[in-house]
Amino acid sequence: MMYRMKRILLPSLGLLLCAFPLQSHAQTDRGQGVKITGADGTQIDLYDESHALVIGVSDYPAANGWRKLPGVKTDIEQVSEALRKQGFNVITKLNPTQEELDKALRDFT
């Protein structure tokens, strides 16, 4: 079971990391000068800010038959740090309850 989880998690993590270039850009470079016009006629930077919600779950109930995943905490720390280096405002949630997860998703949107 653990081997199967690693086969699923590692490619998924790799896809997430590949979505972002590894070189660092200043936050002022984000959006590459793309602007939109607001309803009142003001110019707005299209990508003024970037935000990420990184969620990691490693403590599964024993009743589900899944073992704890010891690397999740390190994984979300590394993903979060990589995103911060790219100028993202990052919120992390480790082992949230259903209520905490729902609240984090509502607050993030």
Protein backbone atom coordinates (compact mmCIF):
# COMPACT_ATOMS: atom_id res chain seq x y z
CA MET A 1 0.00 0.00 0.00
CA MET A 2 2.80 2.46 0.94
CA TYR A 3 4.60 1.75 -2.35
CA ARG A 4 1.41 2.44 -4.29
CA MET A 5 0.90 5.75 -2.43
CA LYS A 6 4.46 6.85 -3.23
CA ARG A 7 3.89 6.00 -6.89
CA ILE A 8 0.81 8.24 -6.84
CA LEU A 9 2.11 11.10 -4.67
CA LEU A 10 5.55 11.56 -6.20
CA PRO A 11 4.36 12.04 -9.81
CA SER A 12 1.62 14.38 -8.58
CA LEU A 13 4.14 16.42 -6.61
CA GLY A 14 6.42 16.46 -9.65
CA LEU A 15 3.60 17.81 -11.82
CA LEU A 16 2.91 20.55 -9.28
CA LEU A 17 6.55 21.59 -9.15
CA CYS A 18 6.91 21.46 -12.94
CA ALA A 19 4.07 23.94 -13.27
CA PHE A 20 6.34 26.63 -11.85
CA PRO A 21 9.73 27.64 -13.20
CA LEU A 22 12.59 27.04 -10.79
CA GLN A 23 14.24 30.39 -11.33
CA SER A 24 13.21 33.15 -8.96
CA HIS A 25 11.45 36.28 -10.16
CA ALA A 26 10.75 39.38 -8.16
CA GLN A 27 7.08 39.85 -7.41
CA THR A 28 7.14 42.99 -9.54
CA ASP A 29 7.79 40.78 -12.61
CA ARG A 30 4.59 38.79 -12.13
CA GLY A 31 1.93 39.26 -14.78
CA GLN A 32 4.46 40.47 -17.35
CA GLY A 33 2.72 43.81 -17.67
CA VAL A 34 -0.74 42.41 -18.46
CA LYS A 35 -3.42 44.90 -17.47
CA ILE A 36 -7.20 44.92 -17.62
CA THR A 37 -9.59 47.83 -17.45
CA GLY A 38 -11.97 47.84 -14.48
CA ALA A 39 -15.63 48.85 -14.72
CA ASP A 40 -14.69 52.35 -13.55
CA GLY A 41 -12.02 52.67 -16.27
CA THR A 42 -8.99 52.18 -14.00
CA GLN A 43 -6.11 49.98 -15.14
CA ILE A 44 -5.56 46.91 -12.97
CA ASP A 45 -2.58 44.55 -13.04
CA LEU A 46 -4.04 41.19 -14.05
CA TYR A 47 -1.63 39.17 -11.91
CA ASP A 48 -0.92 41.55 -9.09
CA GLU A 49 -0.67 38.79 -6.48
CA SER A 50 -0.32 35.01 -6.46
CA HIS A 51 -1.66 32.81 -3.69
CA ALA A 52 -1.33 29.10 -2.91
CA LEU A 53 -3.09 26.85 -0.45
CA VAL A 54 -0.91 23.80 0.28
CA ILE A 55 -2.66 20.96 2.09
CA GLY A 56 -0.98 17.84 3.44
CA VAL A 57 -2.59 14.90 5.16
CA SER A 58 -0.43 12.29 6.82
CA ASP A 59 -2.51 11.11 9.79
CA TYR A 60 -5.23 8.81 8.49
CA PRO A 61 -7.62 6.99 10.80
CA ALA A 62 -6.42 3.44 11.47
CA ALA A 63 -9.92 2.21 10.64
CA ASN A 64 -9.30 3.11 6.98
CA GLY A 65 -6.31 0.76 6.85
CA TRP A 66 -3.88 3.49 5.74
CA ARG A 67 -0.60 4.03 7.51
CA LYS A 68 0.66 7.47 8.47
CA LEU A 69 2.77 9.17 5.81
CA PRO A 70 5.86 10.52 7.58
CA GLY A 71 7.15 12.62 4.66
CA VAL A 72 4.09 14.80 4.19
CA LYS A 73 5.20 17.52 6.62
CA THR A 74 8.56 17.88 4.86
CA ASP A 75 6.86 17.76 1.46
CA ILE A 76 4.48 20.62 2.17
CA GLU A 77 7.28 22.67 3.73
CA GLN A 78 9.42 22.22 0.60
CA VAL A 79 6.54 22.93 -1.81
CA SER A 80 5.55 25.99 0.21
CA GLU A 81 9.11 27.31 0.23
CA ALA A 82 9.43 26.81 -3.54
CA LEU A 83 6.20 28.74 -4.07
CA ARG A 84 7.30 31.55 -1.73
CA LYS A 85 10.51 31.90 -3.74
CA GLN A 86 8.29 32.44 -6.78
CA GLY A 87 6.46 35.28 -5.01
CA PHE A 88 3.40 33.37 -3.82
CA ASN A 89 1.58 34.15 -0.60
CA VAL A 90 1.33 30.64 0.85
CA ILE A 91 -1.08 29.19 3.39
CA THR A 92 -0.37 25.66 4.60
CA LYS A 93 -2.67 23.22 6.32
CA LEU A 94 -1.29 20.00 7.81
CA ASN A 95 -3.78 17.29 8.79
CA PRO A 96 -6.85 19.54 8.77
CA THR A 97 -10.16 18.25 10.07
CA GLN A 98 -13.07 18.30 7.60
CA GLU A 99 -14.29 21.55 9.15
CA GLU A 100 -10.81 23.13 8.96
CA LEU A 101 -10.44 22.02 5.34
CA ASP A 102 -13.85 23.44 4.40
CA LYS A 103 -13.01 26.74 6.11
CA ALA A 104 -9.57 26.94 4.47
CA LEU A 105 -11.12 26.40 1.03
CA ARG A 106 -13.89 28.95 1.65
CA ASP A 107 -11.41 31.54 2.99
CA PHE A 108 -9.01 30.95 0.11
CA THR A 109 -11.48 31.71 -2.68
